[in-house]
Amino acid sequence: MYRFVNNNGIVPQPPPEPVRTPVRALRHLDSEGRLHESVPLLPALGDRARGLTADPFAPAADGVRDHLMRHYLAALEHNPA
């Protein structure tokens, strides 16, 4: 079982430990759609900022855009196993 987090998607953003139980197979999709097995804190914050500034006219919409299933599917199609 895998859990995917697409950059700034509003629903799957995991809360910090110890509030959540870590998922062993957590995968991150960055702002450019690249798949990562892990993302260190500082690079993750920079990537989230890039995602938020990708559309200067609707920065708050990034979380909703990233949560759309078609964006997950498109990113996964470009990252074959």
PDB file of N, CA and C in Angstrom:
ATOM      1  N   MET A   1       0.846  -1.159   0.000  1.00  0.00           N
ATOM      2  CA  MET A   1       0.000   0.000   0.000  1.00  0.00           C
ATOM      3  C   MET A   1       0.902   1.235   0.000  1.00  0.00           C
ATOM      4  N   TYR A   2       0.529   2.224  -0.800  1.00  0.00           N
ATOM      5  CA  TYR A   2       1.280   3.472  -0.881  1.00  0.00           C
ATOM      6  C   TYR A   2       0.366   4.636  -0.549  1.00  0.00           C
ATOM      7  N   ARG A   3       0.949   5.653  -0.003  1.00  0.00           N
ATOM      8  CA  ARG A   3       0.239   6.908   0.220  1.00  0.00           C
ATOM      9  C   ARG A   3       1.005   7.963  -0.573  1.00  0.00           C
ATOM     10  N   PHE A   4       0.288   8.669  -1.442  1.00  0.00           N
ATOM     11  CA  PHE A   4       0.900   9.700  -2.264  1.00  0.00           C
ATOM     12  C   PHE A   4       0.455  11.067  -1.799  1.00  0.00           C
ATOM     13  N   VAL A   5       1.385  11.999  -1.754  1.00  0.00           N
ATOM     14  CA  VAL A   5       1.105  13.392  -1.429  1.00  0.00           C
ATOM     15  C   VAL A   5       1.574  14.216  -2.626  1.00  0.00           C
ATOM     16  N   ASN A   6       0.649  14.917  -3.263  1.00  0.00           N
ATOM     17  CA  ASN A   6       0.977  15.730  -4.425  1.00  0.00           C
ATOM     18  C   ASN A   6       1.242  17.159  -3.982  1.00  0.00           C
ATOM     19  N   ASN A   7       2.483  17.514  -3.858  1.00  0.00           N
ATOM     20  CA  ASN A   7       2.963  18.844  -3.486  1.00  0.00           C
ATOM     21  C   ASN A   7       2.109  19.488  -2.411  1.00  0.00           C
ATOM     22  N   ASN A   8       1.189  20.376  -2.761  1.00  0.00           N
ATOM     23  CA  ASN A   8       0.405  21.121  -1.775  1.00  0.00           C
ATOM     24  C   ASN A   8      -1.035  20.641  -1.669  1.00  0.00           C
ATOM     25  N   GLY A   9      -1.329  19.424  -2.104  1.00  0.00           N
ATOM     26  CA  GLY A   9      -2.691  18.908  -2.018  1.00  0.00           C
ATOM     27  C   GLY A   9      -3.241  19.085  -0.608  1.00  0.00           C
ATOM     28  N   ILE A  10      -4.448  19.626  -0.499  1.00  0.00           N
ATOM     29  CA  ILE A  10      -4.966  20.019   0.817  1.00  0.00           C
ATOM     30  C   ILE A  10      -5.377  18.846   1.700  1.00  0.00           C
ATOM     31  N   VAL A  11      -5.817  17.748   1.137  1.00  0.00           N
ATOM     32  CA  VAL A  11      -6.305  16.647   1.963  1.00  0.00           C
ATOM     33  C   VAL A  11      -5.187  15.724   2.447  1.00  0.00           C
ATOM     34  N   PRO A  12      -4.278  15.253   1.567  1.00  0.00           N
ATOM     35  CA  PRO A  12      -3.336  14.235   2.033  1.00  0.00           C
ATOM     36  C   PRO A  12      -2.101  14.751   2.755  1.00  0.00           C
ATOM     37  N   GLN A  13      -2.006  16.039   3.045  1.00  0.00           N
ATOM     38  CA  GLN A  13      -0.826  16.533   3.756  1.00  0.00           C
ATOM     39  C   GLN A  13      -0.779  15.891   5.135  1.00  0.00           C
ATOM     40  N   PRO A  14       0.232  15.083   5.378  1.00  0.00           N
ATOM     41  CA  PRO A  14       0.299  14.428   6.682  1.00  0.00           C
ATOM     42  C   PRO A  14       0.691  15.408   7.781  1.00  0.00           C
ATOM     43  N   PRO A  15       0.023  15.346   8.922  1.00  0.00           N
ATOM     44  CA  PRO A  15       0.458  16.162  10.041  1.00  0.00           C
ATOM     45  C   PRO A  15       1.802  15.647  10.546  1.00  0.00           C
ATOM     46  N   PRO A  16       2.536  16.480  11.254  1.00  0.00           N
ATOM     47  CA  PRO A  16       3.853  16.047  11.734  1.00  0.00           C
ATOM     48  C   PRO A  16       3.741  14.931  12.774  1.00  0.00           C
ATOM     49  N   GLU A  17       4.798  14.139  12.845  1.00  0.00           N
ATOM     50  CA  GLU A  17       4.857  13.122  13.900  1.00  0.00           C
ATOM     51  C   GLU A  17       4.982  13.842  15.235  1.00  0.00           C
ATOM     52  N   PRO A  18       4.537  13.381  16.327  1.00  0.00           N
ATOM     53  CA  PRO A  18       3.939  12.093  16.634  1.00  0.00           C
ATOM     54  C   PRO A  18       2.425  12.089  16.489  1.00  0.00           C
ATOM     55  N   VAL A  19       1.819  13.160  15.947  1.00  0.00           N
ATOM     56  CA  VAL A  19       0.366  13.212  15.794  1.00  0.00           C
ATOM     57  C   VAL A  19      -0.120  12.113  14.855  1.00  0.00           C
ATOM     58  N   ARG A  20       0.639  11.840  13.813  1.00  0.00           N
ATOM     59  CA  ARG A  20       0.243  10.811  12.849  1.00  0.00           C
ATOM     60  C   ARG A  20       1.114   9.580  13.016  1.00  0.00           C
ATOM     61  N   THR A  21       0.606   8.480  12.549  1.00  0.00           N
ATOM     62  CA  THR A  21       1.398   7.265  12.487  1.00  0.00           C
ATOM     63  C   THR A  21       2.051   7.242  11.121  1.00  0.00           C
ATOM     64  N   PRO A  22       3.359   7.135  11.043  1.00  0.00           N
ATOM     65  CA  PRO A  22       4.010   7.164   9.739  1.00  0.00           C
ATOM     66  C   PRO A  22       3.590   5.998   8.851  1.00  0.00           C
ATOM     67  N   VAL A  23       3.414   6.301   7.596  1.00  0.00           N
ATOM     68  CA  VAL A  23       3.123   5.280   6.598  1.00  0.00           C
ATOM     69  C   VAL A  23       4.464   4.826   6.040  1.00  0.00           C
ATOM     70  N   ARG A  24       4.680   3.541   5.962  1.00  0.00           N
ATOM     71  CA  ARG A  24       5.970   3.038   5.500  1.00  0.00           C
ATOM     72  C   ARG A  24       6.223   3.343   4.030  1.00  0.00           C
ATOM     73  N   ALA A  25       5.174   3.487   3.241  1.00  0.00           N
ATOM     74  CA  ALA A  25       5.334   3.692   1.803  1.00  0.00           C
ATOM     75  C   ALA A  25       4.756   5.048   1.387  1.00  0.00           C
ATOM     76  N   LEU A  26       5.229   6.114   2.009  1.00  0.00           N
ATOM     77  CA  LEU A  26       4.788   7.467   1.670  1.00  0.00           C
ATOM     78  C   LEU A  26       5.614   7.968   0.501  1.00  0.00           C
ATOM     79  N   ARG A  27       4.962   8.467  -0.534  1.00  0.00           N
ATOM     80  CA  ARG A  27       5.640   8.989  -1.715  1.00  0.00           C
ATOM     81  C   ARG A  27       5.186  10.420  -1.944  1.00  0.00           C
ATOM     82  N   HIS A  28       6.117  11.265  -2.359  1.00  0.00           N
ATOM     83  CA  HIS A  28       5.829  12.685  -2.580  1.00  0.00           C
ATOM     84  C   HIS A  28       5.974  13.023  -4.060  1.00  0.00           C
ATOM     85  N   LEU A  29       5.019  13.771  -4.582  1.00  0.00           N
ATOM     86  CA  LEU A  29       5.106  14.326  -5.923  1.00  0.00           C
ATOM     87  C   LEU A  29       5.444  15.792  -5.758  1.00  0.00           C
ATOM     88  N   ASP A  30       6.559  16.225  -6.344  1.00  0.00           N
ATOM     89  CA  ASP A  30       6.970  17.615  -6.157  1.00  0.00           C
ATOM     90  C   ASP A  30       6.213  18.555  -7.099  1.00  0.00           C
ATOM     91  N   SER A  31       6.525  19.845  -7.048  1.00  0.00           N
ATOM     92  CA  SER A  31       5.803  20.847  -7.830  1.00  0.00           C
ATOM     93  C   SER A  31       5.979  20.655  -9.330  1.00  0.00           C
ATOM     94  N   GLU A  32       6.980  19.882  -9.737  1.00  0.00           N
ATOM     95  CA  GLU A  32       7.197  19.606 -11.162  1.00  0.00           C
ATOM     96  C   GLU A  32       6.700  18.213 -11.548  1.00  0.00           C
ATOM     97  N   GLY A  33       6.055  17.515 -10.602  1.00  0.00           N
ATOM     98  CA  GLY A  33       5.486  16.209 -10.884  1.00  0.00           C
ATOM     99  C   GLY A  33       6.449  15.050 -10.766  1.00  0.00           C
ATOM    100  N   ARG A  34       7.644  15.275 -10.200  1.00  0.00           N
ATOM    101  CA  ARG A  34       8.611  14.184 -10.005  1.00  0.00           C
ATOM    102  C   ARG A  34       8.286  13.441  -8.715  1.00  0.00           C
ATOM    103  N   LEU A  35       8.435  12.138  -8.761  1.00  0.00           N
ATOM    104  CA  LEU A  35       8.128  11.283  -7.625  1.00  0.00           C
ATOM    105  C   LEU A  35       9.366  11.088  -6.753  1.00  0.00           C
ATOM    106  N   HIS A  36       9.192  11.228  -5.432  1.00  0.00           N
ATOM    107  CA  HIS A  36      10.289  11.050  -4.471  1.00  0.00           C
ATOM    108  C   HIS A  36       9.837  10.107  -3.363  1.00  0.00           C
ATOM    109  N   GLU A  37      10.764   9.275  -2.909  1.00  0.00           N
ATOM    110  CA  GLU A  37      10.463   8.385  -1.786  1.00  0.00           C
ATOM    111  C   GLU A  37      10.523   9.121  -0.462  1.00  0.00           C
ATOM    112  N   SER A  38      11.342  10.154  -0.402  1.00  0.00           N
ATOM    113  CA  SER A  38      11.405  10.974   0.811  1.00  0.00           C
ATOM    114  C   SER A  38      11.842  12.373   0.406  1.00  0.00           C
ATOM    115  N   VAL A  39      11.451  13.333   1.211  1.00  0.00           N
ATOM    116  CA  VAL A  39      11.817  14.718   0.954  1.00  0.00           C
ATOM    117  C   VAL A  39      12.236  15.339   2.278  1.00  0.00           C
ATOM    118  N   PRO A  40      13.497  15.747   2.408  1.00  0.00           N
ATOM    119  CA  PRO A  40      13.933  16.411   3.638  1.00  0.00           C
ATOM    120  C   PRO A  40      13.152  17.713   3.857  1.00  0.00           C
ATOM    121  N   LEU A  41      13.089  18.155   5.087  1.00  0.00           N
ATOM    122  CA  LEU A  41      12.247  19.285   5.470  1.00  0.00           C
ATOM    123  C   LEU A  41      12.510  20.555   4.663  1.00  0.00           C
ATOM    124  N   LEU A  42      13.740  21.038   4.599  1.00  0.00           N
ATOM    125  CA  LEU A  42      14.009  22.304   3.899  1.00  0.00           C
ATOM    126  C   LEU A  42      13.714  22.232   2.408  1.00  0.00           C
ATOM    127  N   PRO A  43      14.158  21.192   1.690  1.00  0.00           N
ATOM    128  CA  PRO A  43      13.769  21.103   0.283  1.00  0.00           C
ATOM    129  C   PRO A  43      12.253  20.998   0.095  1.00  0.00           C
ATOM    130  N   ALA A  44      11.571  20.319   1.021  1.00  0.00           N
ATOM    131  CA  ALA A  44      10.115  20.194   0.929  1.00  0.00           C
ATOM    132  C   ALA A  44       9.449  21.558   1.071  1.00  0.00           C
ATOM    133  N   LEU A  45       9.941  22.375   1.990  1.00  0.00           N
ATOM    134  CA  LEU A  45       9.352  23.714   2.166  1.00  0.00           C
ATOM    135  C   LEU A  45       9.587  24.573   0.928  1.00  0.00           C
ATOM    136  N   GLY A  46      10.775  24.490   0.348  1.00  0.00           N
ATOM    137  CA  GLY A  46      11.072  25.235  -0.876  1.00  0.00           C
ATOM    138  C   GLY A  46      10.191  24.785  -2.027  1.00  0.00           C
ATOM    139  N   ASP A  47       9.974  23.476  -2.134  1.00  0.00           N
ATOM    140  CA  ASP A  47       9.133  22.957  -3.205  1.00  0.00           C
ATOM    141  C   ASP A  47       7.687  23.380  -3.019  1.00  0.00           C
ATOM    142  N   ARG A  48       7.215  23.369  -1.802  1.00  0.00           N
ATOM    143  CA  ARG A  48       5.841  23.815  -1.540  1.00  0.00           C
ATOM    144  C   ARG A  48       5.683  25.285  -1.901  1.00  0.00           C
ATOM    145  N   ALA A  49       6.695  26.096  -1.611  1.00  0.00           N
ATOM    146  CA  ALA A  49       6.649  27.516  -1.972  1.00  0.00           C
ATOM    147  C   ALA A  49       6.620  27.679  -3.493  1.00  0.00           C
ATOM    148  N   ARG A  50       7.400  26.864  -4.221  1.00  0.00           N
ATOM    149  CA  ARG A  50       7.372  26.920  -5.693  1.00  0.00           C
ATOM    150  C   ARG A  50       5.986  26.581  -6.213  1.00  0.00           C
ATOM    151  N   GLY A  51       5.350  25.595  -5.614  1.00  0.00           N
ATOM    152  CA  GLY A  51       3.994  25.226  -6.021  1.00  0.00           C
ATOM    153  C   GLY A  51       3.008  26.351  -5.777  1.00  0.00           C
ATOM    154  N   LEU A  52       3.147  27.014  -4.626  1.00  0.00           N
ATOM    155  CA  LEU A  52       2.227  28.108  -4.297  1.00  0.00           C
ATOM    156  C   LEU A  52       2.411  29.313  -5.202  1.00  0.00           C
ATOM    157  N   THR A  53       3.614  29.526  -5.709  1.00  0.00           N
ATOM    158  CA  THR A  53       3.871  30.699  -6.551  1.00  0.00           C
ATOM    159  C   THR A  53       3.775  30.378  -8.040  1.00  0.00           C
ATOM    160  N   ALA A  54       3.398  29.151  -8.386  1.00  0.00           N
ATOM    161  CA  ALA A  54       3.289  28.773  -9.795  1.00  0.00           C
ATOM    162  C   ALA A  54       2.196  29.560 -10.506  1.00  0.00           C
ATOM    163  N   ASP A  55       1.124  29.881  -9.808  1.00  0.00           N
ATOM    164  CA  ASP A  55       0.033  30.671 -10.384  1.00  0.00           C
ATOM    165  C   ASP A  55      -0.133  31.914  -9.524  1.00  0.00           C
ATOM    166  N   PRO A  56       0.516  33.028  -9.900  1.00  0.00           N
ATOM    167  CA  PRO A  56       0.477  34.227  -9.065  1.00  0.00           C
ATOM    168  C   PRO A  56      -0.918  34.828  -8.898  1.00  0.00           C
ATOM    169  N   PHE A  57      -1.846  34.463  -9.769  1.00  0.00           N
ATOM    170  CA  PHE A  57      -3.201  35.017  -9.678  1.00  0.00           C
ATOM    171  C   PHE A  57      -4.116  34.192  -8.787  1.00  0.00           C
ATOM    172  N   ALA A  58      -3.687  32.988  -8.434  1.00  0.00           N
ATOM    173  CA  ALA A  58      -4.513  32.137  -7.570  1.00  0.00           C
ATOM    174  C   ALA A  58      -3.640  31.237  -6.707  1.00  0.00           C
ATOM    175  N   PRO A  59      -2.792  31.818  -5.851  1.00  0.00           N
ATOM    176  CA  PRO A  59      -1.891  30.972  -5.050  1.00  0.00           C
ATOM    177  C   PRO A  59      -2.629  30.048  -4.091  1.00  0.00           C
ATOM    178  N   ALA A  60      -3.767  30.471  -3.574  1.00  0.00           N
ATOM    179  CA  ALA A  60      -4.500  29.633  -2.624  1.00  0.00           C
ATOM    180  C   ALA A  60      -5.129  28.425  -3.306  1.00  0.00           C
ATOM    181  N   ALA A  61      -5.301  28.481  -4.615  1.00  0.00           N
ATOM    182  CA  ALA A  61      -5.925  27.380  -5.344  1.00  0.00           C
ATOM    183  C   ALA A  61      -4.965  26.211  -5.553  1.00  0.00           C
ATOM    184  N   ASP A  62      -3.686  26.381  -5.256  1.00  0.00           N
ATOM    185  CA  ASP A  62      -2.699  25.327  -5.491  1.00  0.00           C
ATOM    186  C   ASP A  62      -3.049  24.059  -4.724  1.00  0.00           C
ATOM    187  N   GLY A  63      -3.510  24.181  -3.504  1.00  0.00           N
ATOM    188  CA  GLY A  63      -3.865  23.006  -2.710  1.00  0.00           C
ATOM    189  C   GLY A  63      -5.010  22.229  -3.313  1.00  0.00           C
ATOM    190  N   VAL A  64      -5.972  22.937  -3.896  1.00  0.00           N
ATOM    191  CA  VAL A  64      -7.098  22.270  -4.548  1.00  0.00           C
ATOM    192  C   VAL A  64      -6.637  21.655  -5.869  1.00  0.00           C
ATOM    193  N   ARG A  65      -5.874  22.405  -6.658  1.00  0.00           N
ATOM    194  CA  ARG A  65      -5.360  21.890  -7.935  1.00  0.00           C
ATOM    195  C   ARG A  65      -4.535  20.621  -7.722  1.00  0.00           C
ATOM    196  N   ASP A  66      -3.659  20.647  -6.739  1.00  0.00           N
ATOM    197  CA  ASP A  66      -2.801  19.493  -6.477  1.00  0.00           C
ATOM    198  C   ASP A  66      -3.583  18.290  -5.983  1.00  0.00           C
ATOM    199  N   HIS A  67      -4.766  18.504  -5.457  1.00  0.00           N
ATOM    200  CA  HIS A  67      -5.562  17.388  -4.945  1.00  0.00           C
ATOM    201  C   HIS A  67      -6.410  16.732  -6.029  1.00  0.00           C
ATOM    202  N   LEU A  68      -6.526  17.333  -7.198  1.00  0.00           N
ATOM    203  CA  LEU A  68      -7.346  16.758  -8.262  1.00  0.00           C
ATOM    204  C   LEU A  68      -6.754  15.432  -8.746  1.00  0.00           C
ATOM    205  N   MET A  69      -7.610  14.445  -8.880  1.00  0.00           N
ATOM    206  CA  MET A  69      -7.159  13.106  -9.267  1.00  0.00           C
ATOM    207  C   MET A  69      -6.419  13.121 -10.601  1.00  0.00           C
ATOM    208  N   ARG A  70      -6.836  13.961 -11.539  1.00  0.00           N
ATOM    209  CA  ARG A  70      -6.161  13.977 -12.843  1.00  0.00           C
ATOM    210  C   ARG A  70      -4.702  14.418 -12.714  1.00  0.00           C
ATOM    211  N   HIS A  71      -4.395  15.246 -11.708  1.00  0.00           N
ATOM    212  CA  HIS A  71      -3.006  15.665 -11.499  1.00  0.00           C
ATOM    213  C   HIS A  71      -2.178  14.527 -10.905  1.00  0.00           C
ATOM    214  N   TYR A  72      -2.784  13.762  -9.990  1.00  0.00           N
ATOM    215  CA  TYR A  72      -2.093  12.582  -9.461  1.00  0.00           C
ATOM    216  C   TYR A  72      -1.810  11.598 -10.591  1.00  0.00           C
ATOM    217  N   LEU A  73      -2.823  11.311 -11.388  1.00  0.00           N
ATOM    218  CA  LEU A  73      -2.665  10.335 -12.463  1.00  0.00           C
ATOM    219  C   LEU A  73      -1.634  10.783 -13.491  1.00  0.00           C
ATOM    220  N   ALA A  74      -1.669  12.050 -13.870  1.00  0.00           N
ATOM    221  CA  ALA A  74      -0.693  12.562 -14.837  1.00  0.00           C
ATOM    222  C   ALA A  74       0.726  12.430 -14.295  1.00  0.00           C
ATOM    223  N   ALA A  75       0.930  12.777 -13.028  1.00  0.00           N
ATOM    224  CA  ALA A  75       2.264  12.682 -12.430  1.00  0.00           C
ATOM    225  C   ALA A  75       2.717  11.233 -12.343  1.00  0.00           C
ATOM    226  N   LEU A  76       1.827  10.335 -11.979  1.00  0.00           N
ATOM    227  CA  LEU A  76       2.205   8.926 -11.864  1.00  0.00           C
ATOM    228  C   LEU A  76       2.494   8.309 -13.236  1.00  0.00           C
ATOM    229  N   GLU A  77       1.797   8.750 -14.265  1.00  0.00           N
ATOM    230  CA  GLU A  77       2.073   8.256 -15.622  1.00  0.00           C
ATOM    231  C   GLU A  77       3.457   8.684 -16.098  1.00  0.00           C
ATOM    232  N   HIS A  78       3.937   9.825 -15.615  1.00  0.00           N
ATOM    233  CA  HIS A  78       5.251  10.317 -16.015  1.00  0.00           C
ATOM    234  C   HIS A  78       6.385   9.797 -15.114  1.00  0.00           C
ATOM    235  N   ASN A  79       6.032   8.987 -14.122  1.00  0.00           N
ATOM    236  CA  ASN A  79       7.012   8.425 -13.197  1.00  0.00           C
ATOM    237  C   ASN A  79       6.833   6.908 -13.131  1.00  0.00           C
ATOM    238  N   PRO A  80       7.165   6.195 -14.206  1.00  0.00           N
ATOM    239  CA  PRO A  80       6.971   4.744 -14.159  1.00  0.00           C
ATOM    240  C   PRO A  80       7.872   4.099 -13.109  1.00  0.00           C
ATOM    241  N   ALA A  81       7.392   3.019 -12.554  1.00  0.00           N
ATOM    242  CA  ALA A  81       8.128   2.318 -11.497  1.00  0.00           C
ATOM    243  C   ALA A  81       9.375   1.660 -12.005  1.00  0.00           C
TER     244      ALA A  81
END
